[in-house]
N, C-alpha and C. Protein backbone atom coordinates (compact mmCIF):
# COMPACT_ATOMS: atom_id res chain seq x y z
N MET A 1 73.65 105.11 54.72
CA MET A 1 73.00 105.89 55.78
C MET A 1 72.54 104.98 56.92
N LEU A 2 71.88 103.86 56.57
CA LEU A 2 71.41 102.94 57.60
C LEU A 2 72.56 102.42 58.42
N HIS A 3 73.71 102.15 57.76
CA HIS A 3 74.87 101.61 58.47
C HIS A 3 75.28 102.56 59.59
N LYS A 4 75.35 103.87 59.30
CA LYS A 4 75.76 104.84 60.31
C LYS A 4 74.73 104.93 61.43
N LEU A 5 73.43 104.96 61.06
CA LEU A 5 72.38 105.05 62.07
C LEU A 5 72.36 103.82 62.96
N LEU A 6 72.46 102.63 62.33
CA LEU A 6 72.42 101.40 63.10
C LEU A 6 73.65 101.29 63.99
N PHE A 7 74.80 101.65 63.46
CA PHE A 7 76.03 101.58 64.25
C PHE A 7 75.90 102.47 65.49
N ALA A 8 75.40 103.70 65.29
CA ALA A 8 75.22 104.61 66.43
C ALA A 8 74.21 104.05 67.41
N SER A 9 73.14 103.46 66.89
CA SER A 9 72.11 102.89 67.75
C SER A 9 72.64 101.71 68.55
N LEU A 10 73.40 100.83 67.90
CA LEU A 10 73.96 99.67 68.58
C LEU A 10 74.99 100.08 69.63
N ILE A 11 75.78 101.09 69.31
CA ILE A 11 76.76 101.58 70.29
C ILE A 11 76.05 102.09 71.54
N MET A 12 74.93 102.82 71.33
CA MET A 12 74.18 103.31 72.49
C MET A 12 73.59 102.15 73.28
N LEU A 13 73.09 101.13 72.58
CA LEU A 13 72.58 99.94 73.25
C LEU A 13 73.70 99.24 74.02
N PHE A 14 74.85 99.16 73.39
CA PHE A 14 76.00 98.50 73.99
C PHE A 14 76.41 99.22 75.28
N LEU A 15 76.51 100.55 75.20
CA LEU A 15 76.90 101.32 76.37
C LEU A 15 75.84 101.24 77.46
N ALA A 16 74.56 101.27 77.05
CA ALA A 16 73.48 101.18 78.04
C ALA A 16 73.50 99.82 78.72
N ALA A 17 73.73 98.76 77.94
CA ALA A 17 73.79 97.42 78.51
C ALA A 17 74.93 97.29 79.50
N CYS A 18 75.99 98.04 79.25
CA CYS A 18 77.16 97.99 80.13
C CYS A 18 77.06 98.96 81.29
N GLY A 19 75.93 99.65 81.41
CA GLY A 19 75.75 100.56 82.52
C GLY A 19 76.40 101.91 82.31
N VAL A 20 76.76 102.25 81.06
CA VAL A 20 77.35 103.54 80.75
C VAL A 20 76.23 104.50 80.40
N PRO A 21 76.07 105.63 81.13
CA PRO A 21 74.95 106.53 80.90
C PRO A 21 75.15 107.40 79.68
N PRO A 22 74.07 108.06 79.16
CA PRO A 22 74.22 109.01 78.07
C PRO A 22 75.13 110.15 78.48
N LEU A 23 75.62 110.92 77.48
CA LEU A 23 76.47 112.06 77.77
C LEU A 23 75.73 113.02 78.70
N GLY A 24 76.47 113.57 79.63
CA GLY A 24 75.87 114.51 80.55
C GLY A 24 75.42 113.87 81.85
N GLN A 25 75.43 112.55 81.93
CA GLN A 25 75.07 111.85 83.15
C GLN A 25 76.30 111.15 83.71
N SER A 26 76.37 111.02 85.01
CA SER A 26 77.51 110.36 85.63
C SER A 26 77.22 108.88 85.77
N ALA A 27 78.26 108.08 85.64
CA ALA A 27 78.11 106.63 85.74
C ALA A 27 78.10 106.20 87.20
N ALA A 28 77.24 105.25 87.51
CA ALA A 28 77.23 104.68 88.85
C ALA A 28 78.46 103.80 89.01
N THR A 29 79.10 103.87 90.14
CA THR A 29 80.28 103.05 90.38
C THR A 29 79.88 101.61 90.61
N PRO A 30 80.34 100.68 89.77
CA PRO A 30 79.96 99.28 89.97
C PRO A 30 80.52 98.74 91.27
N ALA A 31 79.75 97.90 91.94
CA ALA A 31 80.19 97.32 93.21
C ALA A 31 80.05 95.81 93.14
N PRO A 32 80.89 95.16 92.36
CA PRO A 32 80.77 93.71 92.22
C PRO A 32 81.18 92.98 93.50
N THR A 33 80.54 91.86 93.73
CA THR A 33 80.91 91.00 94.86
C THR A 33 81.94 89.99 94.39
N PRO A 34 83.10 89.89 95.02
CA PRO A 34 84.10 88.91 94.59
C PRO A 34 83.52 87.49 94.62
N ILE A 35 83.88 86.71 93.63
CA ILE A 35 83.39 85.34 93.54
C ILE A 35 84.39 84.43 94.25
N THR A 36 83.97 83.87 95.38
CA THR A 36 84.90 83.07 96.18
C THR A 36 84.37 81.67 96.48
N THR A 37 83.05 81.49 96.45
CA THR A 37 82.47 80.19 96.79
C THR A 37 82.73 79.21 95.66
N PRO A 38 83.38 78.05 95.91
CA PRO A 38 83.86 77.21 94.82
C PRO A 38 82.78 76.44 94.06
N PHE A 39 81.65 76.10 94.69
CA PHE A 39 80.72 75.21 94.02
C PHE A 39 79.34 75.82 93.78
N ALA A 40 79.19 77.12 93.97
CA ALA A 40 77.87 77.74 93.82
C ALA A 40 77.71 78.33 92.42
N GLY A 41 76.67 77.92 91.74
CA GLY A 41 76.28 78.57 90.50
C GLY A 41 77.28 78.47 89.37
N VAL A 42 77.27 79.51 88.53
CA VAL A 42 78.14 79.58 87.35
C VAL A 42 79.48 80.15 87.78
N ARG A 43 80.54 79.37 87.64
CA ARG A 43 81.88 79.79 88.03
C ARG A 43 82.79 79.73 86.80
N GLU A 44 82.85 80.83 86.09
CA GLU A 44 83.64 80.86 84.86
C GLU A 44 83.91 82.31 84.50
N ASP A 45 85.03 82.56 83.82
CA ASP A 45 85.35 83.88 83.32
C ASP A 45 84.22 84.34 82.39
N PRO A 46 83.57 85.48 82.66
CA PRO A 46 82.46 85.92 81.81
C PRO A 46 82.82 86.07 80.33
N GLN A 47 84.11 86.24 80.01
CA GLN A 47 84.49 86.31 78.60
C GLN A 47 84.29 84.97 77.91
N ARG A 48 84.25 83.90 78.70
CA ARG A 48 83.94 82.59 78.11
C ARG A 48 82.45 82.31 78.13
N LEU A 49 81.68 83.14 78.85
CA LEU A 49 80.25 82.92 78.96
C LEU A 49 79.46 83.64 77.87
N THR A 50 79.96 84.78 77.40
CA THR A 50 79.24 85.50 76.35
C THR A 50 79.38 84.76 75.02
N LEU A 51 78.45 85.05 74.12
CA LEU A 51 78.45 84.41 72.80
C LEU A 51 79.66 84.84 72.00
N ILE A 52 80.06 83.99 71.06
CA ILE A 52 81.14 84.30 70.14
C ILE A 52 80.58 84.29 68.71
N GLN A 53 81.41 84.70 67.78
CA GLN A 53 80.95 84.89 66.40
C GLN A 53 80.33 83.63 65.81
N THR A 54 80.88 82.48 66.11
CA THR A 54 80.37 81.23 65.54
C THR A 54 79.03 80.80 66.14
N ASP A 55 78.60 81.47 67.23
CA ASP A 55 77.29 81.19 67.80
C ASP A 55 76.18 81.89 67.03
N LEU A 56 76.55 82.83 66.15
CA LEU A 56 75.58 83.65 65.44
C LEU A 56 75.46 83.21 63.99
N PRO A 57 74.39 83.65 63.29
CA PRO A 57 74.24 83.31 61.87
C PRO A 57 75.43 83.83 61.05
N GLU A 58 75.60 83.26 59.90
CA GLU A 58 76.71 83.64 59.02
C GLU A 58 76.63 85.13 58.68
N GLY A 59 77.79 85.78 58.64
CA GLY A 59 77.85 87.18 58.26
C GLY A 59 78.10 88.13 59.40
N PHE A 60 77.90 87.69 60.64
CA PHE A 60 78.11 88.58 61.78
C PHE A 60 79.60 88.73 62.08
N ARG A 61 79.96 89.93 62.53
CA ARG A 61 81.33 90.24 62.92
C ARG A 61 81.33 90.94 64.27
N LYS A 62 82.31 90.62 65.11
CA LYS A 62 82.42 91.29 66.40
C LYS A 62 83.01 92.68 66.20
N LEU A 63 82.32 93.70 66.75
CA LEU A 63 82.80 95.07 66.62
C LEU A 63 83.52 95.55 67.88
N ASP A 64 83.06 95.09 69.04
CA ASP A 64 83.63 95.60 70.28
C ASP A 64 83.29 94.67 71.43
N ASN A 65 84.07 94.74 72.48
CA ASN A 65 83.70 94.07 73.72
C ASN A 65 84.33 94.84 74.88
N THR A 66 83.76 94.70 76.06
CA THR A 66 84.26 95.43 77.21
C THR A 66 84.00 94.64 78.47
N THR A 67 84.82 94.88 79.48
CA THR A 67 84.64 94.31 80.81
C THR A 67 84.71 95.45 81.81
N LEU A 68 83.61 95.68 82.53
CA LEU A 68 83.58 96.78 83.49
C LEU A 68 84.23 96.42 84.81
N HIS A 69 84.13 95.15 85.19
CA HIS A 69 84.68 94.71 86.46
C HIS A 69 84.70 93.19 86.45
N GLU A 70 85.32 92.61 87.46
CA GLU A 70 85.36 91.15 87.56
C GLU A 70 83.92 90.62 87.62
N GLY A 71 83.65 89.62 86.82
CA GLY A 71 82.30 89.07 86.78
C GLY A 71 81.42 89.71 85.72
N HIS A 72 82.01 90.44 84.77
CA HIS A 72 81.20 91.11 83.74
C HIS A 72 81.90 91.06 82.39
N ASN A 73 81.10 90.86 81.34
CA ASN A 73 81.62 91.01 79.97
C ASN A 73 80.46 91.32 79.04
N ALA A 74 80.71 92.18 78.06
CA ALA A 74 79.70 92.52 77.06
C ALA A 74 80.35 92.56 75.70
N VAL A 75 79.61 92.17 74.68
CA VAL A 75 80.15 92.10 73.33
C VAL A 75 79.11 92.60 72.33
N LEU A 76 79.57 93.26 71.27
CA LEU A 76 78.73 93.85 70.24
C LEU A 76 79.07 93.23 68.89
N PHE A 77 78.03 92.76 68.18
CA PHE A 77 78.20 92.18 66.84
C PHE A 77 77.33 92.95 65.84
N MET A 78 77.79 92.97 64.56
CA MET A 78 76.98 93.54 63.49
C MET A 78 77.15 92.68 62.24
N ASN A 79 76.10 92.65 61.41
CA ASN A 79 76.14 91.94 60.13
C ASN A 79 76.26 92.99 59.02
N PRO A 80 77.48 93.33 58.57
CA PRO A 80 77.68 94.42 57.62
C PRO A 80 76.91 94.24 56.31
N ASP A 81 76.90 93.02 55.75
CA ASP A 81 76.23 92.80 54.47
C ASP A 81 74.72 92.97 54.60
N ALA A 82 74.16 92.54 55.73
CA ALA A 82 72.72 92.71 55.94
C ALA A 82 72.38 94.19 56.07
N VAL A 83 73.21 94.94 56.77
CA VAL A 83 72.96 96.37 56.95
C VAL A 83 73.04 97.12 55.64
N SER A 84 74.03 96.78 54.82
CA SER A 84 74.22 97.48 53.55
C SER A 84 73.30 96.99 52.44
N GLY A 85 72.56 95.90 52.68
CA GLY A 85 71.65 95.36 51.67
C GLY A 85 72.33 94.41 50.70
N LYS A 86 73.58 94.01 50.99
CA LYS A 86 74.28 93.09 50.10
C LYS A 86 73.84 91.65 50.29
N SER A 87 73.10 91.38 51.37
CA SER A 87 72.54 90.05 51.58
C SER A 87 71.06 90.21 51.89
N ASP A 88 70.31 89.12 51.78
CA ASP A 88 68.87 89.20 52.04
C ASP A 88 68.54 88.89 53.51
N GLN A 89 69.55 88.83 54.38
CA GLN A 89 69.31 88.58 55.79
C GLN A 89 68.69 89.81 56.45
N ASN A 90 67.81 89.56 57.41
CA ASN A 90 67.16 90.67 58.12
C ASN A 90 67.81 90.97 59.47
N MET A 91 68.61 90.03 59.98
CA MET A 91 69.25 90.25 61.27
C MET A 91 70.43 91.21 61.11
N LEU A 92 70.42 92.30 61.90
CA LEU A 92 71.39 93.37 61.70
C LEU A 92 72.46 93.43 62.79
N GLY A 93 72.06 93.33 64.06
CA GLY A 93 73.04 93.49 65.14
C GLY A 93 72.63 92.75 66.39
N VAL A 94 73.64 92.46 67.22
CA VAL A 94 73.43 91.74 68.48
C VAL A 94 74.29 92.37 69.56
N VAL A 95 73.69 92.65 70.71
CA VAL A 95 74.42 93.03 71.91
C VAL A 95 74.22 91.92 72.93
N ASP A 96 75.31 91.46 73.54
CA ASP A 96 75.24 90.36 74.50
C ASP A 96 76.05 90.73 75.73
N GLU A 97 75.44 90.62 76.91
CA GLU A 97 76.11 91.00 78.16
C GLU A 97 75.85 89.94 79.23
N ILE A 98 76.88 89.60 79.98
CA ILE A 98 76.77 88.64 81.08
C ILE A 98 77.40 89.26 82.33
N THR A 99 76.68 89.14 83.46
CA THR A 99 77.21 89.55 84.76
C THR A 99 76.99 88.41 85.74
N THR A 100 78.03 88.03 86.47
CA THR A 100 77.89 86.99 87.49
C THR A 100 77.95 87.61 88.88
N TYR A 101 77.23 86.99 89.80
CA TYR A 101 77.12 87.47 91.18
C TYR A 101 77.64 86.39 92.12
N GLU A 102 77.76 86.75 93.40
CA GLU A 102 78.30 85.81 94.37
C GLU A 102 77.45 84.55 94.45
N ASP A 103 76.14 84.69 94.50
CA ASP A 103 75.28 83.53 94.56
C ASP A 103 73.93 83.84 93.93
N ASP A 104 73.05 82.83 93.92
CA ASP A 104 71.75 82.98 93.27
C ASP A 104 70.93 84.10 93.90
N ALA A 105 71.00 84.23 95.22
CA ALA A 105 70.19 85.24 95.91
C ALA A 105 70.59 86.65 95.48
N ASP A 106 71.91 86.89 95.32
CA ASP A 106 72.37 88.20 94.87
C ASP A 106 71.87 88.49 93.45
N ALA A 107 71.94 87.48 92.59
CA ALA A 107 71.48 87.66 91.21
C ALA A 107 69.98 87.93 91.17
N ARG A 108 69.23 87.20 91.97
CA ARG A 108 67.77 87.40 92.01
C ARG A 108 67.43 88.81 92.50
N ASP A 109 68.13 89.27 93.52
CA ASP A 109 67.88 90.62 94.03
C ASP A 109 68.17 91.66 92.95
N ALA A 110 69.28 91.49 92.23
CA ALA A 110 69.62 92.42 91.16
C ALA A 110 68.57 92.39 90.05
N PHE A 111 68.14 91.18 89.67
CA PHE A 111 67.16 91.02 88.59
C PHE A 111 65.83 91.67 88.95
N GLU A 112 65.39 91.47 90.19
CA GLU A 112 64.06 91.92 90.58
C GLU A 112 64.04 93.37 91.06
N ASN A 113 65.21 93.94 91.35
CA ASN A 113 65.25 95.31 91.88
C ASN A 113 66.15 96.22 91.05
N ASP A 114 67.47 96.06 91.15
CA ASP A 114 68.39 96.98 90.48
C ASP A 114 68.20 97.00 88.96
N LEU A 115 67.91 95.85 88.37
CA LEU A 115 67.82 95.76 86.91
C LEU A 115 66.38 95.73 86.41
N LEU A 116 65.43 96.01 87.28
CA LEU A 116 64.03 95.98 86.88
C LEU A 116 63.80 96.94 85.72
N LEU A 117 63.14 96.45 84.68
CA LEU A 117 62.94 97.21 83.45
C LEU A 117 61.51 97.05 82.98
N THR A 118 60.90 98.13 82.46
CA THR A 118 59.54 98.09 81.94
C THR A 118 59.53 98.55 80.48
N ALA A 119 58.42 98.28 79.80
CA ALA A 119 58.27 98.73 78.42
C ALA A 119 58.35 100.26 78.34
N GLU A 120 57.80 100.93 79.34
CA GLU A 120 57.85 102.39 79.36
C GLU A 120 59.28 102.90 79.49
N ASP A 121 60.09 102.22 80.31
CA ASP A 121 61.50 102.60 80.45
C ASP A 121 62.21 102.54 79.10
N ILE A 122 61.98 101.45 78.36
CA ILE A 122 62.65 101.26 77.07
C ILE A 122 62.18 102.32 76.08
N ALA A 123 60.87 102.58 76.03
CA ALA A 123 60.34 103.59 75.11
C ALA A 123 60.94 104.95 75.40
N ASN A 124 61.08 105.30 76.67
CA ASN A 124 61.66 106.60 77.03
C ASN A 124 63.11 106.69 76.60
N LYS A 125 63.85 105.58 76.68
CA LYS A 125 65.24 105.59 76.23
C LYS A 125 65.34 105.81 74.73
N PHE A 126 64.42 105.20 73.98
CA PHE A 126 64.42 105.42 72.53
C PHE A 126 64.17 106.88 72.19
N LYS A 127 63.32 107.53 72.95
CA LYS A 127 62.98 108.93 72.68
C LYS A 127 64.18 109.85 72.87
N GLU A 128 65.19 109.37 73.60
CA GLU A 128 66.40 110.17 73.80
C GLU A 128 67.35 110.10 72.61
N ARG A 129 67.08 109.20 71.67
CA ARG A 129 68.00 109.01 70.54
C ARG A 129 67.58 109.87 69.36
N ASP A 130 68.50 110.69 68.86
CA ASP A 130 68.22 111.55 67.72
C ASP A 130 67.94 110.75 66.45
N SER A 131 68.51 109.54 66.36
CA SER A 131 68.39 108.74 65.14
C SER A 131 67.05 108.03 65.02
N VAL A 132 66.25 107.99 66.10
CA VAL A 132 64.98 107.26 66.09
C VAL A 132 63.82 108.24 65.94
N ALA A 133 62.92 107.95 64.97
CA ALA A 133 61.74 108.79 64.78
C ALA A 133 60.79 108.61 65.97
N PRO A 134 60.52 109.65 66.75
CA PRO A 134 59.75 109.51 67.99
C PRO A 134 58.37 108.88 67.79
N GLY A 135 57.67 109.25 66.72
CA GLY A 135 56.33 108.73 66.50
C GLY A 135 56.28 107.28 66.08
N SER A 136 57.44 106.68 65.81
CA SER A 136 57.48 105.30 65.33
C SER A 136 57.70 104.29 66.44
N ILE A 137 57.94 104.75 67.66
CA ILE A 137 58.36 103.87 68.75
C ILE A 137 57.17 103.11 69.35
N LYS A 138 57.30 101.79 69.37
CA LYS A 138 56.31 100.94 70.02
C LYS A 138 57.06 99.86 70.80
N VAL A 139 56.71 99.69 72.06
CA VAL A 139 57.37 98.69 72.91
C VAL A 139 56.30 97.88 73.64
N GLN A 140 56.46 96.58 73.64
CA GLN A 140 55.51 95.71 74.33
C GLN A 140 56.24 94.55 74.98
N VAL A 141 55.60 93.98 75.98
CA VAL A 141 56.14 92.77 76.61
C VAL A 141 56.08 91.63 75.61
N TYR A 142 57.12 90.82 75.60
CA TYR A 142 57.26 89.73 74.64
C TYR A 142 57.41 88.42 75.40
N HIS A 143 56.85 87.33 74.86
CA HIS A 143 56.87 86.05 75.56
C HIS A 143 57.50 84.95 74.70
N PRO A 144 58.83 84.93 74.60
CA PRO A 144 59.50 83.88 73.84
C PRO A 144 59.48 82.56 74.61
N GLU A 145 59.65 81.47 73.90
CA GLU A 145 59.67 80.16 74.55
C GLU A 145 61.11 79.74 74.84
N LEU A 146 61.76 80.48 75.75
CA LEU A 146 63.12 80.13 76.15
C LEU A 146 63.07 79.09 77.26
N LYS A 147 63.97 78.13 77.20
CA LYS A 147 64.01 77.06 78.19
C LYS A 147 65.34 77.12 78.96
N GLY A 148 65.25 76.89 80.27
CA GLY A 148 66.47 76.81 81.08
C GLY A 148 66.79 78.05 81.87
N ALA A 149 65.96 79.11 81.74
CA ALA A 149 66.20 80.32 82.53
C ALA A 149 65.42 80.23 83.84
N ASP A 150 66.05 80.63 84.95
CA ASP A 150 65.38 80.65 86.24
C ASP A 150 64.41 81.82 86.34
N LEU A 151 64.78 82.95 85.76
CA LEU A 151 63.93 84.13 85.68
C LEU A 151 64.07 84.71 84.28
N LEU A 152 62.99 85.30 83.76
CA LEU A 152 63.03 85.81 82.38
C LEU A 152 62.06 86.97 82.23
N ARG A 153 62.50 88.03 81.55
CA ARG A 153 61.57 89.04 81.05
C ARG A 153 62.08 89.49 79.69
N SER A 154 61.15 89.74 78.78
CA SER A 154 61.52 90.08 77.41
C SER A 154 60.60 91.15 76.87
N PHE A 155 61.11 91.91 75.90
CA PHE A 155 60.35 92.97 75.27
C PHE A 155 60.61 92.96 73.76
N LYS A 156 59.62 93.43 73.02
CA LYS A 156 59.78 93.65 71.59
C LYS A 156 59.52 95.11 71.31
N ALA A 157 60.48 95.76 70.66
CA ALA A 157 60.33 97.17 70.32
C ALA A 157 60.40 97.32 68.80
N SER A 158 59.64 98.26 68.27
CA SER A 158 59.75 98.59 66.85
C SER A 158 59.91 100.11 66.73
N TYR A 159 60.73 100.52 65.77
CA TYR A 159 60.98 101.94 65.57
C TYR A 159 61.63 102.13 64.20
N LYS A 160 61.73 103.38 63.76
CA LYS A 160 62.34 103.69 62.48
C LYS A 160 63.71 104.31 62.68
N LEU A 161 64.69 103.75 61.94
CA LEU A 161 66.02 104.36 61.82
C LEU A 161 66.09 104.93 60.41
N GLY A 162 66.01 106.23 60.28
CA GLY A 162 65.90 106.80 58.94
C GLY A 162 64.60 106.35 58.30
N ASP A 163 64.71 105.70 57.13
CA ASP A 163 63.53 105.18 56.45
C ASP A 163 63.33 103.69 56.71
N THR A 164 64.14 103.10 57.56
CA THR A 164 64.10 101.66 57.79
C THR A 164 63.38 101.33 59.09
N LEU A 165 62.36 100.47 59.00
CA LEU A 165 61.66 100.01 60.19
C LEU A 165 62.37 98.78 60.73
N VAL A 166 62.71 98.80 62.01
CA VAL A 166 63.39 97.67 62.62
C VAL A 166 62.63 97.21 63.85
N ASN A 167 62.80 95.94 64.17
CA ASN A 167 62.28 95.37 65.40
C ASN A 167 63.46 94.99 66.27
N GLU A 168 63.33 95.23 67.55
CA GLU A 168 64.40 94.93 68.49
C GLU A 168 63.84 93.99 69.56
N TYR A 169 64.51 92.87 69.76
CA TYR A 169 64.09 91.87 70.74
C TYR A 169 65.07 91.92 71.90
N ARG A 170 64.53 92.13 73.11
CA ARG A 170 65.35 92.26 74.31
C ARG A 170 65.02 91.13 75.27
N TYR A 171 66.04 90.41 75.68
CA TYR A 171 65.89 89.28 76.59
C TYR A 171 66.76 89.53 77.81
N GLN A 172 66.17 89.44 78.97
CA GLN A 172 66.93 89.54 80.22
C GLN A 172 66.58 88.31 81.05
N PHE A 173 67.59 87.56 81.45
CA PHE A 173 67.32 86.29 82.12
C PHE A 173 68.37 86.01 83.18
N MET A 174 67.97 85.21 84.16
CA MET A 174 68.86 84.76 85.22
C MET A 174 69.03 83.26 85.12
N VAL A 175 70.25 82.80 85.15
CA VAL A 175 70.57 81.37 85.23
C VAL A 175 71.49 81.22 86.44
N SER A 176 70.95 80.69 87.52
CA SER A 176 71.68 80.57 88.78
C SER A 176 72.17 81.95 89.22
N ASN A 177 73.48 82.15 89.35
CA ASN A 177 74.00 83.42 89.81
C ASN A 177 74.45 84.34 88.67
N ALA A 178 74.06 84.03 87.44
CA ALA A 178 74.43 84.84 86.28
C ALA A 178 73.20 85.50 85.68
N ILE A 179 73.36 86.74 85.23
CA ILE A 179 72.29 87.46 84.53
C ILE A 179 72.78 87.81 83.14
N GLY A 180 71.96 87.48 82.14
CA GLY A 180 72.28 87.78 80.75
C GLY A 180 71.33 88.81 80.18
N ASN A 181 71.87 89.67 79.33
CA ASN A 181 71.08 90.61 78.54
C ASN A 181 71.44 90.40 77.08
N VAL A 182 70.46 90.04 76.28
CA VAL A 182 70.68 89.86 74.84
C VAL A 182 69.71 90.78 74.10
N ILE A 183 70.25 91.59 73.19
CA ILE A 183 69.44 92.52 72.39
C ILE A 183 69.74 92.24 70.92
N VAL A 184 68.70 91.89 70.16
CA VAL A 184 68.86 91.55 68.74
C VAL A 184 68.04 92.52 67.90
N THR A 185 68.69 93.15 66.92
CA THR A 185 68.04 94.10 66.03
C THR A 185 67.79 93.45 64.67
N VAL A 186 66.53 93.52 64.22
CA VAL A 186 66.10 92.83 62.99
C VAL A 186 65.36 93.81 62.09
N ARG A 187 65.71 93.85 60.81
CA ARG A 187 65.00 94.68 59.85
C ARG A 187 63.62 94.09 59.59
N ALA A 188 62.58 94.93 59.53
CA ALA A 188 61.24 94.46 59.19
C ALA A 188 61.20 94.03 57.73
N ASP A 189 60.21 93.24 57.37
CA ASP A 189 60.04 92.85 55.97
C ASP A 189 59.70 94.06 55.12
N ALA A 190 59.80 93.90 53.80
CA ALA A 190 59.62 95.02 52.88
C ALA A 190 58.26 95.70 53.04
N ASP A 191 57.23 94.94 53.43
CA ASP A 191 55.90 95.53 53.60
C ASP A 191 55.69 96.13 54.99
N GLY A 192 56.77 96.14 55.81
CA GLY A 192 56.68 96.72 57.14
C GLY A 192 56.26 95.75 58.22
N SER A 193 55.95 94.51 57.84
CA SER A 193 55.54 93.53 58.83
C SER A 193 56.75 92.94 59.54
N GLU A 194 56.50 92.32 60.68
CA GLU A 194 57.57 91.71 61.44
C GLU A 194 58.16 90.54 60.66
N SER A 195 59.48 90.43 60.66
CA SER A 195 60.15 89.32 60.00
C SER A 195 60.05 88.08 60.89
N ALA A 196 59.25 87.10 60.46
CA ALA A 196 59.08 85.89 61.26
C ALA A 196 60.40 85.14 61.41
N SER A 197 61.17 85.06 60.32
CA SER A 197 62.45 84.35 60.38
C SER A 197 63.43 85.10 61.28
N GLY A 198 63.38 86.44 61.24
CA GLY A 198 64.25 87.23 62.10
C GLY A 198 63.92 87.04 63.56
N ARG A 199 62.61 86.98 63.87
CA ARG A 199 62.20 86.77 65.26
C ARG A 199 62.65 85.39 65.74
N GLU A 200 62.51 84.38 64.89
CA GLU A 200 62.92 83.03 65.26
C GLU A 200 64.42 82.96 65.51
N GLN A 201 65.17 83.64 64.66
CA GLN A 201 66.62 83.65 64.84
C GLN A 201 67.02 84.41 66.11
N ALA A 202 66.30 85.49 66.41
CA ALA A 202 66.57 86.25 67.63
C ALA A 202 66.33 85.36 68.85
N ASP A 203 65.22 84.64 68.85
CA ASP A 203 64.93 83.73 69.95
C ASP A 203 66.02 82.65 70.07
N ALA A 204 66.48 82.17 68.92
CA ALA A 204 67.51 81.12 68.92
C ALA A 204 68.82 81.64 69.52
N ILE A 205 69.15 82.90 69.25
CA ILE A 205 70.37 83.48 69.81
C ILE A 205 70.25 83.61 71.33
N ALA A 206 69.09 84.08 71.79
CA ALA A 206 68.88 84.18 73.24
C ALA A 206 68.93 82.80 73.88
N GLN A 207 68.33 81.80 73.22
CA GLN A 207 68.35 80.44 73.75
C GLN A 207 69.77 79.91 73.81
N ALA A 208 70.58 80.23 72.81
CA ALA A 208 71.97 79.79 72.80
C ALA A 208 72.73 80.35 74.00
N GLN A 209 72.43 81.61 74.38
CA GLN A 209 73.10 82.18 75.54
C GLN A 209 72.62 81.53 76.84
N VAL A 210 71.32 81.25 76.95
CA VAL A 210 70.81 80.54 78.12
C VAL A 210 71.46 79.16 78.22
N ASP A 211 71.53 78.47 77.09
CA ASP A 211 72.13 77.14 77.08
C ASP A 211 73.60 77.18 77.51
N LYS A 212 74.31 78.21 77.05
CA LYS A 212 75.72 78.31 77.38
C LYS A 212 75.92 78.52 78.88
N LEU A 213 75.08 79.35 79.48
CA LEU A 213 75.17 79.55 80.92
C LEU A 213 74.87 78.25 81.66
N ASN A 214 73.89 77.51 81.20
CA ASN A 214 73.56 76.25 81.86
C ASN A 214 74.67 75.21 81.72
N GLN A 215 75.43 75.29 80.64
CA GLN A 215 76.55 74.36 80.46
C GLN A 215 77.63 74.59 81.52
N PHE A 216 77.72 75.82 82.01
CA PHE A 216 78.72 76.16 83.01
C PHE A 216 78.15 76.20 84.42
N ARG A 217 76.89 75.82 84.56
CA ARG A 217 76.26 75.84 85.88
C ARG A 217 76.84 74.70 86.72
N ALA A 218 77.57 75.05 87.77
CA ALA A 218 78.16 74.03 88.64
C ALA A 218 77.13 73.53 89.63
N GLN A 219 77.28 72.30 90.05
CA GLN A 219 76.36 71.70 91.01
C GLN A 219 76.96 71.77 92.41
N ARG A 220 76.13 72.14 93.39
CA ARG A 220 76.60 72.13 94.77
C ARG A 220 76.81 70.67 95.21
N PRO A 221 77.82 70.42 96.00
CA PRO A 221 78.05 69.05 96.46
C PRO A 221 76.92 68.58 97.35
N GLN A 222 76.55 67.31 97.25
CA GLN A 222 75.47 66.74 98.05
C GLN A 222 75.98 66.42 99.46
């Protein structure tokens, strides 16, 4: 049962991260800026910028990936054994999305305006999901110790999928002209408390994505 609920939840997260609206709403037409400046910011195919299976803890498998336009890629991972209870791991799923812009100023404008997100926004989105118990939803600003991001905002959400309490860690960050969105879903401990190891691993995954973007950050000529 949890597998079906989590899969549906991750798919909705995946589609939302990719800018795909819920059923009944029309999608906004993406308007990417062509990347032409040779030495500004991150200049790489976004499919090489997003995380791959070996960047994640053992047991994760890639379920899907999509590219909406040039300069964009998103990928969805799930840990089947953790979801089914065949392993003692608490980390269940990961959504990772990267979008690159023409330059740092464009990325900053998108981060501070078009992509502006609040805890209330996230809570309202959860309330739209039939699989999430409405009274269980809690969302708060989260302050991870990520290094190397030019801009960062993060949230921690907790909610129930069926009888399972999960915590979701959301990281949105800018590295030069690239913006990353990483969402990690972690099962709570048996007593309902937050999984400390799961939170640490979630932070490590977000840090790995920040590090990867910085590895591809090109330097402007002096």
